[in-house]
C-alpha atoms as a PDB file:
ATOM      1  CA  MET A   1      -5.259  -2.538   7.894  1.00  0.00           C
ATOM      2  CA  SER A   2      -1.532  -2.657   7.356  1.00  0.00           C
ATOM      3  CA  ALA A   3       0.937  -4.881   9.179  1.00  0.00           C
ATOM      4  CA  ALA A   4       4.722  -5.081   9.073  1.00  0.00           C
ATOM      5  CA  SER A   5       6.519  -8.392   8.808  1.00  0.00           C
ATOM      6  CA  GLY A   6       8.186  -7.934  12.218  1.00  0.00           C
ATOM      7  CA  PRO A   7       9.549  -5.493  14.753  1.00  0.00           C
ATOM      8  CA  MET A   8      11.521  -2.607  13.255  1.00  0.00           C
ATOM      9  CA  THR A   9      10.677  -3.591   9.649  1.00  0.00           C
ATOM     10  CA  ALA A  10       8.041  -0.947   8.901  1.00  0.00           C
ATOM     11  CA  HIS A  11      10.392   1.993   9.131  1.00  0.00           C
ATOM     12  CA  SER A  12      13.597   0.558   7.723  1.00  0.00           C
ATOM     13  CA  GLY A  13      13.823   2.561   4.427  1.00  0.00           C
ATOM     14  CA  ASP A  14      14.159   0.573   1.233  1.00  0.00           C
ATOM     15  CA  SER A  15      14.174  -2.723   3.097  1.00  0.00           C
ATOM     16  CA  ALA A  16      10.773  -2.060   4.756  1.00  0.00           C
ATOM     17  CA  ARG A  17       8.271  -4.851   4.249  1.00  0.00           C
ATOM     18  CA  GLY A  18       4.592  -5.210   5.104  1.00  0.00           C
ATOM     19  CA  ARG A  19       1.111  -6.280   3.961  1.00  0.00           C
ATOM     20  CA  LEU A  20      -2.394  -4.797   3.587  1.00  0.00           C
ATOM     21  CA  TYR A  21      -5.534  -6.622   4.765  1.00  0.00           C
ATOM     22  CA  ARG A  22      -9.225  -6.053   4.360  1.00  0.00           C
ATOM     23  CA  TRP A  23     -12.159  -7.196   6.459  1.00  0.00           C
ATOM     24  CA  ASP A  24     -14.701  -9.353   4.638  1.00  0.00           C
ATOM     25  CA  ASP A  25     -16.184 -11.783   7.171  1.00  0.00           C
ATOM     26  CA  GLY A  26     -12.567 -12.217   8.367  1.00  0.00           C
ATOM     27  CA  TRP A  27      -9.195 -10.654   7.548  1.00  0.00           C
ATOM     28  CA  GLU A  28      -8.009 -11.237   3.978  1.00  0.00           C
ATOM     29  CA  ARG A  29      -4.536 -10.350   2.767  1.00  0.00           C
ATOM     30  CA  LEU A  30      -4.516  -8.075  -0.275  1.00  0.00           C
ATOM     31  CA  ALA A  31      -2.292  -8.912  -3.200  1.00  0.00           C
ATOM     32  CA  VAL A  32       0.046  -5.905  -2.774  1.00  0.00           C
ATOM     33  CA  PRO A  33       3.507  -6.690  -4.171  1.00  0.00           C
ATOM     34  CA  PRO A  34       5.513  -7.942  -1.197  1.00  0.00           C
ATOM     35  CA  ASP A  35       8.797  -6.192  -2.100  1.00  0.00           C
ATOM     36  CA  SER A  36       8.062  -2.917  -0.272  1.00  0.00           C
ATOM     37  CA  MET A  37       6.040  -1.568   2.689  1.00  0.00           C
ATOM     38  CA  PRO A  38       2.643   0.047   1.957  1.00  0.00           C
ATOM     39  CA  TYR A  39       3.183   3.380   3.803  1.00  0.00           C
ATOM     40  CA  ALA A  40       0.019   5.258   2.878  1.00  0.00           C
ATOM     41  CA  LEU A  41      -3.440   4.195   1.744  1.00  0.00           C
ATOM     42  CA  ALA A  42      -6.224   6.292   0.211  1.00  0.00           C
ATOM     43  CA  ALA A  43      -9.632   5.360  -1.207  1.00  0.00           C
ATOM     44  CA  THR A  44     -11.620   7.302  -3.789  1.00  0.00           C
ATOM     45  CA  ASP A  45     -14.330   6.586  -6.380  1.00  0.00           C
ATOM     46  CA  GLY A  46     -14.026   2.798  -6.044  1.00  0.00           C
ATOM     47  CA  GLU A  47     -10.230   2.764  -6.202  1.00  0.00           C
ATOM     48  CA  LEU A  48      -7.570   2.090  -3.646  1.00  0.00           C
ATOM     49  CA  LEU A  49      -4.190   3.915  -3.866  1.00  0.00           C
ATOM     50  CA  ALA A  50      -1.195   2.608  -1.964  1.00  0.00           C
ATOM     51  CA  GLY A  51       1.939   4.698  -1.524  1.00  0.00           C
ATOM     52  CA  MET A  52       4.850   2.298  -1.097  1.00  0.00           C
ATOM     53  CA  ALA A  53       7.958   2.944   0.988  1.00  0.00           C
ATOM     54  CA  ASP A  54      10.114   2.646  -2.145  1.00  0.00           C
ATOM     55  CA  GLY A  55       8.290   5.576  -3.835  1.00  0.00           C
ATOM     56  CA  ARG A  56       5.896   3.670  -6.048  1.00  0.00           C
ATOM     57  CA  ILE A  57       2.173   4.468  -6.098  1.00  0.00           C
ATOM     58  CA  LEU A  58      -0.070   1.541  -6.792  1.00  0.00           C
ATOM     59  CA  ARG A  59      -3.749   1.590  -7.830  1.00  0.00           C
ATOM     60  CA  SER A  60      -6.444  -1.061  -7.469  1.00  0.00           C
ATOM     61  CA  ALA A  61      -9.951  -0.848  -8.908  1.00  0.00           C
ATOM     62  CA  ASP A  62     -11.114  -4.225  -7.498  1.00  0.00           C
ATOM     63  CA  ARG A  63     -10.736  -3.861  -3.747  1.00  0.00           C
ATOM     64  CA  GLY A  64      -7.102  -4.896  -3.719  1.00  0.00           C
ATOM     65  CA  GLU A  65      -7.278  -8.051  -5.831  1.00  0.00           C
ATOM     66  CA  ARG A  66      -4.917  -6.645  -8.498  1.00  0.00           C
ATOM     67  CA  TRP A  67      -2.615  -3.622  -8.460  1.00  0.00           C
ATOM     68  CA  ASP A  68      -1.218  -1.459 -11.241  1.00  0.00           C
ATOM     69  CA  GLU A  69       1.708   0.898 -10.797  1.00  0.00           C
ATOM     70  CA  ILE A  70       0.965   4.581 -11.586  1.00  0.00           C
ATOM     71  CA  PRO A  71       3.746   5.945 -13.788  1.00  0.00           C
ATOM     72  CA  ALA A  72       5.017   8.365 -11.158  1.00  0.00           C
ATOM     73  CA  ARG A  73       7.546   7.873  -8.435  1.00  0.00           C
ATOM     74  CA  VAL A  74       8.333   9.997  -5.376  1.00  0.00           C
ATOM     75  CA  ASP A  75      11.371  10.090  -3.094  1.00  0.00           C
ATOM     76  CA  SER A  76       9.457   9.547   0.143  1.00  0.00           C
ATOM     77  CA  ILE A  77       5.872   8.814   1.063  1.00  0.00           C
ATOM     78  CA  VAL A  78       4.721   9.381   4.618  1.00  0.00           C
ATOM     79  CA  ALA A  79       1.098  10.432   3.971  1.00  0.00           C
ATOM     80  CA  MET A  80      -1.240  10.590   1.051  1.00  0.00           C
ATOM     81  CA  ALA A  81      -4.561  12.357   0.307  1.00  0.00           C
ATOM     82  CA  VAL A  82      -6.933  12.276  -2.628  1.00  0.00           C
ATOM     83  CA  ALA A  83      -9.085  15.204  -3.707  1.00  0.00           C
ATOM     84  CA  GLY A  84     -12.332  14.315  -5.435  1.00  0.00           C
END
């Protein structure tokens, strides 16, 4: 699940902020860097991919405990899909 930090913050361009959560006997906040809004989320082969509002794409292989930045950047992310 994703959640913004307040009203009108999810869609405010470069200043967008938000968090990702997972359910594991209760909601747990994932350690996504807090400096941008996670705009798109995809899961494939045991990995999570998060497309951030600032154009970064992050990858986690451990259910969101740690994130690495993929060396690619896009101008705008509004949706994301993974082909397997």
